[in-house]
Amino acid sequence: MDLLKGGYFELLIAGIIFFALQVWWISMVVRNGIRQDKIMMPNQIEEFRSRLEEAFSQKRNRRSG
């Protein structure tokens, strides 16, 4: 009964929740690290941007002409 009065139970629950959140956070960091190859590199971004600009300029030219 002294354990409940001293707040040990609440501290234990808070510790379990904290530990679970740490495990979840670390697993998300590892997963995102594995997916780094799917992130666009700066040269890919420039290529993608130029393709978008071409597509939009063609669309604009069709509307005005």
PDB file of N, CA and C in Angstrom:
ATOM      1  N   MET A   1       0.810  -1.190   0.000  1.00  0.00           N
ATOM      2  CA  MET A   1       0.000   0.000   0.000  1.00  0.00           C
ATOM      3  C   MET A   1       0.862   1.266   0.000  1.00  0.00           C
ATOM      4  N   ASP A   2       2.049   1.175   0.585  1.00  0.00           N
ATOM      5  CA  ASP A   2       2.937   2.335   0.600  1.00  0.00           C
ATOM      6  C   ASP A   2       3.397   2.695  -0.800  1.00  0.00           C
ATOM      7  N   LEU A   3       3.467   1.698  -1.688  1.00  0.00           N
ATOM      8  CA  LEU A   3       3.882   1.982  -3.057  1.00  0.00           C
ATOM      9  C   LEU A   3       2.881   2.886  -3.746  1.00  0.00           C
ATOM     10  N   LEU A   4       1.598   2.654  -3.502  1.00  0.00           N
ATOM     11  CA  LEU A   4       0.567   3.470  -4.126  1.00  0.00           C
ATOM     12  C   LEU A   4       0.544   4.882  -3.538  1.00  0.00           C
ATOM     13  N   LYS A   5       0.802   5.003  -2.259  1.00  0.00           N
ATOM     14  CA  LYS A   5       0.772   6.314  -1.624  1.00  0.00           C
ATOM     15  C   LYS A   5       1.983   7.157  -2.008  1.00  0.00           C
ATOM     16  N   GLY A   6       3.079   6.505  -2.259  1.00  0.00           N
ATOM     17  CA  GLY A   6       4.298   7.238  -2.552  1.00  0.00           C
ATOM     18  C   GLY A   6       4.384   7.727  -3.984  1.00  0.00           C
ATOM     19  N   GLY A   7       3.470   7.319  -4.843  1.00  0.00           N
ATOM     20  CA  GLY A   7       3.494   7.748  -6.228  1.00  0.00           C
ATOM     21  C   GLY A   7       4.359   6.874  -7.120  1.00  0.00           C
ATOM     22  N   TYR A   8       4.791   5.746  -6.573  1.00  0.00           N
ATOM     23  CA  TYR A   8       5.632   4.861  -7.373  1.00  0.00           C
ATOM     24  C   TYR A   8       4.881   4.268  -8.555  1.00  0.00           C
ATOM     25  N   PHE A   9       3.618   3.993  -8.355  1.00  0.00           N
ATOM     26  CA  PHE A   9       2.823   3.414  -9.435  1.00  0.00           C
ATOM     27  C   PHE A   9       2.707   4.396 -10.603  1.00  0.00           C
ATOM     28  N   GLU A  10       2.427   5.643 -10.297  1.00  0.00           N
ATOM     29  CA  GLU A  10       2.329   6.661 -11.343  1.00  0.00           C
ATOM     30  C   GLU A  10       3.662   6.869 -12.046  1.00  0.00           C
ATOM     31  N   LEU A  11       4.736   6.831 -11.282  1.00  0.00           N
ATOM     32  CA  LEU A  11       6.066   6.975 -11.853  1.00  0.00           C
ATOM     33  C   LEU A  11       6.391   5.793 -12.766  1.00  0.00           C
ATOM     34  N   LEU A  12       5.986   4.613 -12.379  1.00  0.00           N
ATOM     35  CA  LEU A  12       6.183   3.419 -13.194  1.00  0.00           C
ATOM     36  C   LEU A  12       5.403   3.532 -14.509  1.00  0.00           C
ATOM     37  N   ILE A  13       4.168   3.974 -14.435  1.00  0.00           N
ATOM     38  CA  ILE A  13       3.350   4.151 -15.639  1.00  0.00           C
ATOM     39  C   ILE A  13       3.985   5.194 -16.556  1.00  0.00           C
ATOM     40  N   ALA A  14       4.418   6.309 -15.989  1.00  0.00           N
ATOM     41  CA  ALA A  14       5.062   7.345 -16.796  1.00  0.00           C
ATOM     42  C   ALA A  14       6.339   6.819 -17.441  1.00  0.00           C
ATOM     43  N   GLY A  15       7.109   6.013 -16.720  1.00  0.00           N
ATOM     44  CA  GLY A  15       8.323   5.420 -17.267  1.00  0.00           C
ATOM     45  C   GLY A  15       8.033   4.463 -18.403  1.00  0.00           C
ATOM     46  N   ILE A  16       6.987   3.669 -18.268  1.00  0.00           N
ATOM     47  CA  ILE A  16       6.612   2.728 -19.335  1.00  0.00           C
ATOM     48  C   ILE A  16       6.184   3.492 -20.578  1.00  0.00           C
ATOM     49  N   ILE A  17       5.384   4.532 -20.404  1.00  0.00           N
ATOM     50  CA  ILE A  17       4.945   5.340 -21.546  1.00  0.00           C
ATOM     51  C   ILE A  17       6.137   6.011 -22.208  1.00  0.00           C
ATOM     52  N   PHE A  18       7.049   6.562 -21.410  1.00  0.00           N
ATOM     53  CA  PHE A  18       8.234   7.212 -21.951  1.00  0.00           C
ATOM     54  C   PHE A  18       9.078   6.210 -22.740  1.00  0.00           C
ATOM     55  N   PHE A  19       9.289   5.024 -22.194  1.00  0.00           N
ATOM     56  CA  PHE A  19      10.071   3.995 -22.872  1.00  0.00           C
ATOM     57  C   PHE A  19       9.405   3.592 -24.184  1.00  0.00           C
ATOM     58  N   ALA A  20       8.084   3.432 -24.179  1.00  0.00           N
ATOM     59  CA  ALA A  20       7.368   3.059 -25.403  1.00  0.00           C
ATOM     60  C   ALA A  20       7.502   4.142 -26.470  1.00  0.00           C
ATOM     61  N   LEU A  21       7.405   5.392 -26.065  1.00  0.00           N
ATOM     62  CA  LEU A  21       7.567   6.485 -27.027  1.00  0.00           C
ATOM     63  C   LEU A  21       8.989   6.536 -27.580  1.00  0.00           C
ATOM     64  N   GLN A  22       9.979   6.244 -26.760  1.00  0.00           N
ATOM     65  CA  GLN A  22      11.364   6.221 -27.234  1.00  0.00           C
ATOM     66  C   GLN A  22      11.566   5.121 -28.268  1.00  0.00           C
ATOM     67  N   VAL A  23      11.016   3.945 -28.016  1.00  0.00           N
ATOM     68  CA  VAL A  23      11.117   2.834 -28.968  1.00  0.00           C
ATOM     69  C   VAL A  23      10.435   3.209 -30.270  1.00  0.00           C
ATOM     70  N   TRP A  24       9.253   3.812 -30.191  1.00  0.00           N
ATOM     71  CA  TRP A  24       8.528   4.221 -31.390  1.00  0.00           C
ATOM     72  C   TRP A  24       9.328   5.257 -32.178  1.00  0.00           C
ATOM     73  N   TRP A  25       9.874   6.254 -31.483  1.00  0.00           N
ATOM     74  CA  TRP A  25      10.628   7.322 -32.141  1.00  0.00           C
ATOM     75  C   TRP A  25      11.878   6.778 -32.827  1.00  0.00           C
ATOM     76  N   ILE A  26      12.605   5.904 -32.146  1.00  0.00           N
ATOM     77  CA  ILE A  26      13.814   5.327 -32.740  1.00  0.00           C
ATOM     78  C   ILE A  26      13.461   4.482 -33.953  1.00  0.00           C
ATOM     79  N   SER A  27      12.378   3.733 -33.891  1.00  0.00           N
ATOM     80  CA  SER A  27      11.980   2.925 -35.054  1.00  0.00           C
ATOM     81  C   SER A  27      11.604   3.811 -36.237  1.00  0.00           C
ATOM     82  N   MET A  28      10.968   4.959 -35.982  1.00  0.00           N
ATOM     83  CA  MET A  28      10.634   5.871 -37.070  1.00  0.00           C
ATOM     84  C   MET A  28      11.888   6.493 -37.681  1.00  0.00           C
ATOM     85  N   VAL A  29      12.864   6.808 -36.862  1.00  0.00           N
ATOM     86  CA  VAL A  29      14.110   7.369 -37.360  1.00  0.00           C
ATOM     87  C   VAL A  29      14.824   6.347 -38.234  1.00  0.00           C
ATOM     88  N   VAL A  30      14.848   5.092 -37.810  1.00  0.00           N
ATOM     89  CA  VAL A  30      15.500   4.042 -38.592  1.00  0.00           C
ATOM     90  C   VAL A  30      14.768   3.836 -39.909  1.00  0.00           C
ATOM     91  N   ARG A  31      13.451   3.789 -39.872  1.00  0.00           N
ATOM     92  CA  ARG A  31      12.677   3.602 -41.112  1.00  0.00           C
ATOM     93  C   ARG A  31      12.909   4.745 -42.087  1.00  0.00           C
ATOM     94  N   ASN A  32      12.919   5.964 -41.602  1.00  0.00           N
ATOM     95  CA  ASN A  32      13.147   7.109 -42.482  1.00  0.00           C
ATOM     96  C   ASN A  32      14.567   7.120 -43.010  1.00  0.00           C
ATOM     97  N   GLY A  33      15.500   6.601 -42.254  1.00  0.00           N
ATOM     98  CA  GLY A  33      16.863   6.495 -42.733  1.00  0.00           C
ATOM     99  C   GLY A  33      16.973   5.509 -43.874  1.00  0.00           C
ATOM    100  N   ILE A  34      16.202   4.450 -43.819  1.00  0.00           N
ATOM    101  CA  ILE A  34      16.201   3.455 -44.894  1.00  0.00           C
ATOM    102  C   ILE A  34      15.590   4.049 -46.148  1.00  0.00           C
ATOM    103  N   ARG A  35      14.632   4.925 -45.997  1.00  0.00           N
ATOM    104  CA  ARG A  35      13.938   5.517 -47.135  1.00  0.00           C
ATOM    105  C   ARG A  35      14.671   6.717 -47.725  1.00  0.00           C
ATOM    106  N   GLN A  36      15.878   7.007 -47.286  1.00  0.00           N
ATOM    107  CA  GLN A  36      16.619   8.159 -47.787  1.00  0.00           C
ATOM    108  C   GLN A  36      16.821   8.099 -49.291  1.00  0.00           C
ATOM    109  N   ASP A  37      16.903   6.900 -49.866  1.00  0.00           N
ATOM    110  CA  ASP A  37      17.116   6.794 -51.307  1.00  0.00           C
ATOM    111  C   ASP A  37      15.913   7.285 -52.094  1.00  0.00           C
ATOM    112  N   LYS A  38      14.749   7.387 -51.466  1.00  0.00           N
ATOM    113  CA  LYS A  38      13.550   7.865 -52.153  1.00  0.00           C
ATOM    114  C   LYS A  38      13.446   9.385 -52.145  1.00  0.00           C
ATOM    115  N   ILE A  39      14.280  10.040 -51.356  1.00  0.00           N
ATOM    116  CA  ILE A  39      14.257  11.495 -51.298  1.00  0.00           C
ATOM    117  C   ILE A  39      14.994  12.042 -52.509  1.00  0.00           C
ATOM    118  N   MET A  40      14.451  13.097 -53.115  1.00  0.00           N
ATOM    119  CA  MET A  40      15.046  13.667 -54.316  1.00  0.00           C
ATOM    120  C   MET A  40      16.333  14.418 -53.983  1.00  0.00           C
ATOM    121  N   MET A  41      17.320  14.233 -54.821  1.00  0.00           N
ATOM    122  CA  MET A  41      18.568  14.969 -54.694  1.00  0.00           C
ATOM    123  C   MET A  41      18.411  16.320 -55.398  1.00  0.00           C
ATOM    124  N   PRO A  42      19.280  17.287 -55.104  1.00  0.00           N
ATOM    125  CA  PRO A  42      19.126  18.625 -55.700  1.00  0.00           C
ATOM    126  C   PRO A  42      19.083  18.615 -57.226  1.00  0.00           C
ATOM    127  N   ASN A  43      19.892  17.784 -57.880  1.00  0.00           N
ATOM    128  CA  ASN A  43      19.856  17.757 -59.343  1.00  0.00           C
ATOM    129  C   ASN A  43      18.536  17.185 -59.857  1.00  0.00           C
ATOM    130  N   GLN A  44      17.950  16.247 -59.122  1.00  0.00           N
ATOM    131  CA  GLN A  44      16.656  15.697 -59.510  1.00  0.00           C
ATOM    132  C   GLN A  44      15.566  16.758 -59.330  1.00  0.00           C
ATOM    133  N   ILE A  45      15.707  17.570 -58.311  1.00  0.00           N
ATOM    134  CA  ILE A  45      14.720  18.621 -58.064  1.00  0.00           C
ATOM    135  C   ILE A  45      14.734  19.632 -59.208  1.00  0.00           C
ATOM    136  N   GLU A  46      15.927  20.017 -59.644  1.00  0.00           N
ATOM    137  CA  GLU A  46      16.039  20.968 -60.754  1.00  0.00           C
ATOM    138  C   GLU A  46      15.438  20.379 -62.031  1.00  0.00           C
ATOM    139  N   GLU A  47      15.699  19.106 -62.293  1.00  0.00           N
ATOM    140  CA  GLU A  47      15.140  18.459 -63.482  1.00  0.00           C
ATOM    141  C   GLU A  47      13.618  18.422 -63.408  1.00  0.00           C
ATOM    142  N   PHE A  48      13.090  18.072 -62.236  1.00  0.00           N
ATOM    143  CA  PHE A  48      11.653  18.021 -62.033  1.00  0.00           C
ATOM    144  C   PHE A  48      11.036  19.411 -62.199  1.00  0.00           C
ATOM    145  N   ARG A  49      11.719  20.416 -61.667  1.00  0.00           N
ATOM    146  CA  ARG A  49      11.230  21.787 -61.780  1.00  0.00           C
ATOM    147  C   ARG A  49      11.176  22.233 -63.236  1.00  0.00           C
ATOM    148  N   SER A  50      12.213  21.912 -63.997  1.00  0.00           N
ATOM    149  CA  SER A  50      12.226  22.326 -65.400  1.00  0.00           C
ATOM    150  C   SER A  50      11.123  21.625 -66.196  1.00  0.00           C
ATOM    151  N   ARG A  51      10.881  20.355 -65.884  1.00  0.00           N
ATOM    152  CA  ARG A  51       9.784  19.649 -66.571  1.00  0.00           C
ATOM    153  C   ARG A  51       8.435  20.260 -66.230  1.00  0.00           C
ATOM    154  N   LEU A  52       8.254  20.640 -64.964  1.00  0.00           N
ATOM    155  CA  LEU A  52       6.995  21.292 -64.582  1.00  0.00           C
ATOM    156  C   LEU A  52       6.834  22.633 -65.283  1.00  0.00           C
ATOM    157  N   GLU A  53       7.912  23.402 -65.325  1.00  0.00           N
ATOM    158  CA  GLU A  53       7.837  24.706 -65.990  1.00  0.00           C
ATOM    159  C   GLU A  53       7.502  24.549 -67.469  1.00  0.00           C
ATOM    160  N   GLU A  54       8.080  23.551 -68.114  1.00  0.00           N
ATOM    161  CA  GLU A  54       7.761  23.301 -69.522  1.00  0.00           C
ATOM    162  C   GLU A  54       6.296  22.929 -69.689  1.00  0.00           C
ATOM    163  N   ALA A  55       5.803  22.067 -68.823  1.00  0.00           N
ATOM    164  CA  ALA A  55       4.415  21.626 -68.923  1.00  0.00           C
ATOM    165  C   ALA A  55       3.456  22.796 -68.722  1.00  0.00           C
ATOM    166  N   PHE A  56       3.741  23.642 -67.729  1.00  0.00           N
ATOM    167  CA  PHE A  56       2.851  24.762 -67.472  1.00  0.00           C
ATOM    168  C   PHE A  56       2.943  25.821 -68.555  1.00  0.00           C
ATOM    169  N   SER A  57       4.134  26.014 -69.110  1.00  0.00           N
ATOM    170  CA  SER A  57       4.250  27.014 -70.178  1.00  0.00           C
ATOM    171  C   SER A  57       3.521  26.525 -71.431  1.00  0.00           C
ATOM    172  N   GLN A  58       3.545  25.228 -71.713  1.00  0.00           N
ATOM    173  CA  GLN A  58       2.807  24.681 -72.853  1.00  0.00           C
ATOM    174  C   GLN A  58       1.310  24.841 -72.625  1.00  0.00           C
ATOM    175  N   LYS A  59       0.866  24.614 -71.414  1.00  0.00           N
ATOM    176  CA  LYS A  59      -0.549  24.740 -71.093  1.00  0.00           C
ATOM    177  C   LYS A  59      -0.993  26.210 -71.245  1.00  0.00           C
ATOM    178  N   ARG A  60      -0.146  27.138 -70.791  1.00  0.00           N
ATOM    179  CA  ARG A  60      -0.454  28.555 -70.909  1.00  0.00           C
ATOM    180  C   ARG A  60      -0.514  28.992 -72.375  1.00  0.00           C
ATOM    181  N   ASN A  61       0.416  28.475 -73.187  1.00  0.00           N
ATOM    182  CA  ASN A  61       0.449  28.826 -74.598  1.00  0.00           C
ATOM    183  C   ASN A  61      -0.797  28.321 -75.333  1.00  0.00           C
ATOM    184  N   ARG A  62      -1.281  27.162 -74.933  1.00  0.00           N
ATOM    185  CA  ARG A  62      -2.495  26.629 -75.560  1.00  0.00           C
ATOM    186  C   ARG A  62      -3.713  27.497 -75.245  1.00  0.00           C
ATOM    187  N   ARG A  63      -3.783  28.009 -74.022  1.00  0.00           N
ATOM    188  CA  ARG A  63      -4.930  28.828 -73.644  1.00  0.00           C
ATOM    189  C   ARG A  63      -4.895  30.177 -74.328  1.00  0.00           C
ATOM    190  N   SER A  64      -3.713  30.762 -74.429  1.00  0.00           N
ATOM    191  CA  SER A  64      -3.636  32.113 -75.010  1.00  0.00           C
ATOM    192  C   SER A  64      -3.645  32.079 -76.538  1.00  0.00           C
ATOM    193  N   GLY A  65      -3.273  30.969 -77.134  1.00  0.00           N
ATOM    194  CA  GLY A  65      -3.186  30.923 -78.611  1.00  0.00           C
ATOM    195  C   GLY A  65      -4.289  30.272 -79.244  1.00  0.00           C
TER     196      GLY A  65
END
